C-alpha atoms as a PDB file:
ATOM      1  CA  LEU A   1      96.835 -94.662 -39.900  1.00  0.00           C
ATOM      2  CA  ALA A   2      99.486 -92.054 -39.182  1.00  0.00           C
ATOM      3  CA  ALA A   3     101.842 -93.730 -41.685  1.00  0.00           C
ATOM      4  CA  ALA A   4      99.174 -93.643 -44.354  1.00  0.00           C
ATOM      5  CA  VAL A   5      98.440 -90.005 -43.799  1.00  0.00           C
ATOM      6  CA  ASP A   6     102.115 -89.194 -43.856  1.00  0.00           C
ATOM      7  CA  SER A   7     102.654 -91.020 -47.125  1.00  0.00           C
ATOM      8  CA  LEU A   8      99.548 -89.475 -48.699  1.00  0.00           C
ATOM      9  CA  ALA A   9     100.643 -85.948 -47.673  1.00  0.00           C
ATOM     10  CA  ARG A  10     104.238 -86.844 -48.743  1.00  0.00           C
ATOM     11  CA  LEU A  11     105.518 -85.813 -45.328  1.00  0.00           C
ATOM     12  CA  GLU A  12     107.732 -88.898 -45.110  1.00  0.00           C
ATOM     13  CA  GLU A  13     109.186 -90.675 -48.092  1.00  0.00           C
ATOM     14  CA  PRO A  14     110.302 -94.223 -47.421  1.00  0.00           C
ATOM     15  CA  PRO A  15     113.958 -94.884 -48.527  1.00  0.00           C
ATOM     16  CA  PRO A  16     114.238 -96.931 -51.727  1.00  0.00           C
ATOM     17  CA  LEU A  17     115.256-100.544 -51.263  1.00  0.00           C
ATOM     18  CA  SER A  18     118.728-101.280 -52.392  1.00  0.00           C
ATOM     19  CA  ALA A  19     121.521-103.692 -51.606  1.00  0.00           C
ATOM     20  CA  ALA A  20     123.259-100.953 -49.590  1.00  0.00           C
ATOM     21  CA  GLY A  21     120.084-100.332 -47.635  1.00  0.00           C
ATOM     22  CA  LEU A  22     119.645-104.061 -46.773  1.00  0.00           C
ATOM     23  CA  ALA A  23     123.317-104.564 -45.908  1.00  0.00           C
ATOM     24  CA  PRO A  24     122.805-103.772 -42.155  1.00  0.00           C
ATOM     25  CA  LEU A  25     120.300-106.687 -41.952  1.00  0.00           C
ATOM     26  CA  TRP A  26     123.096-109.193 -42.710  1.00  0.00           C
ATOM     27  CA  ARG A  27     125.486-108.000 -39.978  1.00  0.00           C
ATOM     28  CA  PRO A  28     126.333-110.674 -37.391  1.00  0.00           C
ATOM     29  CA  ALA A  29     124.532-108.704 -34.596  1.00  0.00           C
ATOM     30  CA  ALA A  30     121.306-108.618 -36.670  1.00  0.00           C
ATOM     31  CA  LEU A  31     121.520-112.333 -37.504  1.00  0.00           C
ATOM     32  CA  LEU A  32     122.180-113.122 -33.853  1.00  0.00           C
ATOM     33  CA  ALA A  33     119.117-111.186 -32.861  1.00  0.00           C
ATOM     34  CA  VAL A  34     116.956-113.098 -35.350  1.00  0.00           C
ATOM     35  CA  ALA A  35     118.427-116.364 -34.180  1.00  0.00           C
ATOM     36  CA  TYR A  36     117.726-115.398 -30.586  1.00  0.00           C
ATOM     37  CA  ALA A  37     114.073-114.519 -31.487  1.00  0.00           C
ATOM     38  CA  VAL A  38     113.454-117.692 -33.321  1.00  0.00           C
ATOM     39  CA  LEU A  39     115.132-120.088 -30.973  1.00  0.00           C
ATOM     40  CA  LEU A  40     114.409-118.707 -27.534  1.00  0.00           C
ATOM     41  CA  SER A  41     111.152-116.937 -28.083  1.00  0.00           C
ATOM     42  CA  SER A  42     109.559-119.429 -30.351  1.00  0.00           C
ATOM     43  CA  VAL A  43     111.095-122.944 -29.980  1.00  0.00           C
ATOM     44  CA  VAL A  44     111.910-122.844 -26.285  1.00  0.00           C
ATOM     45  CA  GLY A  45     108.826-120.863 -25.394  1.00  0.00           C
ATOM     46  CA  TYR A  46     106.380-123.217 -27.107  1.00  0.00           C
ATOM     47  CA  SER A  47     108.280-126.304 -25.813  1.00  0.00           C
ATOM     48  CA  LEU A  48     108.054-125.093 -22.251  1.00  0.00           C
ATOM     49  CA  ARG A  49     104.363-124.301 -22.707  1.00  0.00           C
ATOM     50  CA  ALA A  50     103.674-127.776 -24.070  1.00  0.00           C
ATOM     51  CA  TRP A  51     105.548-129.252 -21.101  1.00  0.00           C
ATOM     52  CA  ALA A  52     103.582-127.098 -18.759  1.00  0.00           C
ATOM     53  CA  ASN A  53     100.300-128.281 -20.312  1.00  0.00           C
ATOM     54  CA  ARG A  54     101.158-131.818 -19.413  1.00  0.00           C
ATOM     55  CA  HIS A  55     102.606-131.292 -15.967  1.00  0.00           C
ATOM     56  CA  THR A  56     100.647-128.435 -14.410  1.00  0.00           C
ATOM     57  CA  ASP A  57      97.040-127.559 -13.621  1.00  0.00           C
ATOM     58  CA  ALA A  58      94.997-125.459 -15.980  1.00  0.00           C
ATOM     59  CA  SER A  59      94.661-122.715 -13.312  1.00  0.00           C
ATOM     60  CA  VAL A  60      98.371-122.247 -13.245  1.00  0.00           C
ATOM     61  CA  LEU A  61      98.608-121.897 -16.973  1.00  0.00           C
ATOM     62  CA  VAL A  62      95.756-119.325 -16.990  1.00  0.00           C
ATOM     63  CA  LEU A  63      97.472-117.401 -14.210  1.00  0.00           C
ATOM     64  CA  TYR A  64     100.742-117.500 -16.165  1.00  0.00           C
ATOM     65  CA  ASN A  65      99.017-116.145 -19.251  1.00  0.00           C
ATOM     66  CA  ALA A  66      97.407-113.301 -17.304  1.00  0.00           C
ATOM     67  CA  VAL A  67     100.615-112.370 -15.453  1.00  0.00           C
ATOM     68  CA  GLN A  68     103.077-112.633 -18.411  1.00  0.00           C
ATOM     69  CA  PRO A  69     102.467-109.237 -20.130  1.00  0.00           C
ATOM     70  CA  PRO A  70     102.821-107.026 -16.977  1.00  0.00           C
ATOM     71  CA  LEU A  71     105.913-109.052 -15.815  1.00  0.00           C
ATOM     72  CA  THR A  72     107.411-108.736 -19.332  1.00  0.00           C
ATOM     73  CA  ALA A  73     106.902-104.931 -19.192  1.00  0.00           C
ATOM     74  CA  LEU A  74     108.466-104.689 -15.788  1.00  0.00           C
ATOM     75  CA  LEU A  75     111.459-106.807 -16.824  1.00  0.00           C
ATOM     76  CA  SER A  76     111.845-104.619 -19.909  1.00  0.00           C
ATOM     77  CA  LEU A  77     111.945-101.536 -17.660  1.00  0.00           C
ATOM     78  CA  ALA A  78     114.414-103.177 -15.355  1.00  0.00           C
ATOM     79  CA  VAL A  79     116.774-104.087 -18.280  1.00  0.00           C
ATOM     80  CA  ASP A  80     116.438-100.797 -20.206  1.00  0.00           C
ATOM     81  CA  PRO A  81     114.733 -98.060 -18.086  1.00  0.00           C
ATOM     82  CA  VAL A  82     115.350 -95.402 -20.781  1.00  0.00           C
ATOM     83  CA  GLY A  83     113.638 -97.431 -23.491  1.00  0.00           C
ATOM     84  CA  SER A  84     116.205 -96.923 -26.155  1.00  0.00           C
END
């Protein structure tokens, strides 16, 4: 909603898309971040969850789903307390 208000009031103009503007997306660090997100977050995460569905009780999976968001937030704070 805030972005819509800003754009209607012309408080913030989005930069035009250009080859120069998209160049940072093709840096090795950016591509590595995308590969990490795809491989570890998606493929490995879903594979482990499928394995857990076969080898653990439903109560453990429910507990994991309930505990995952707060533990992820705590881990995020532990890795980067400033939140850059």
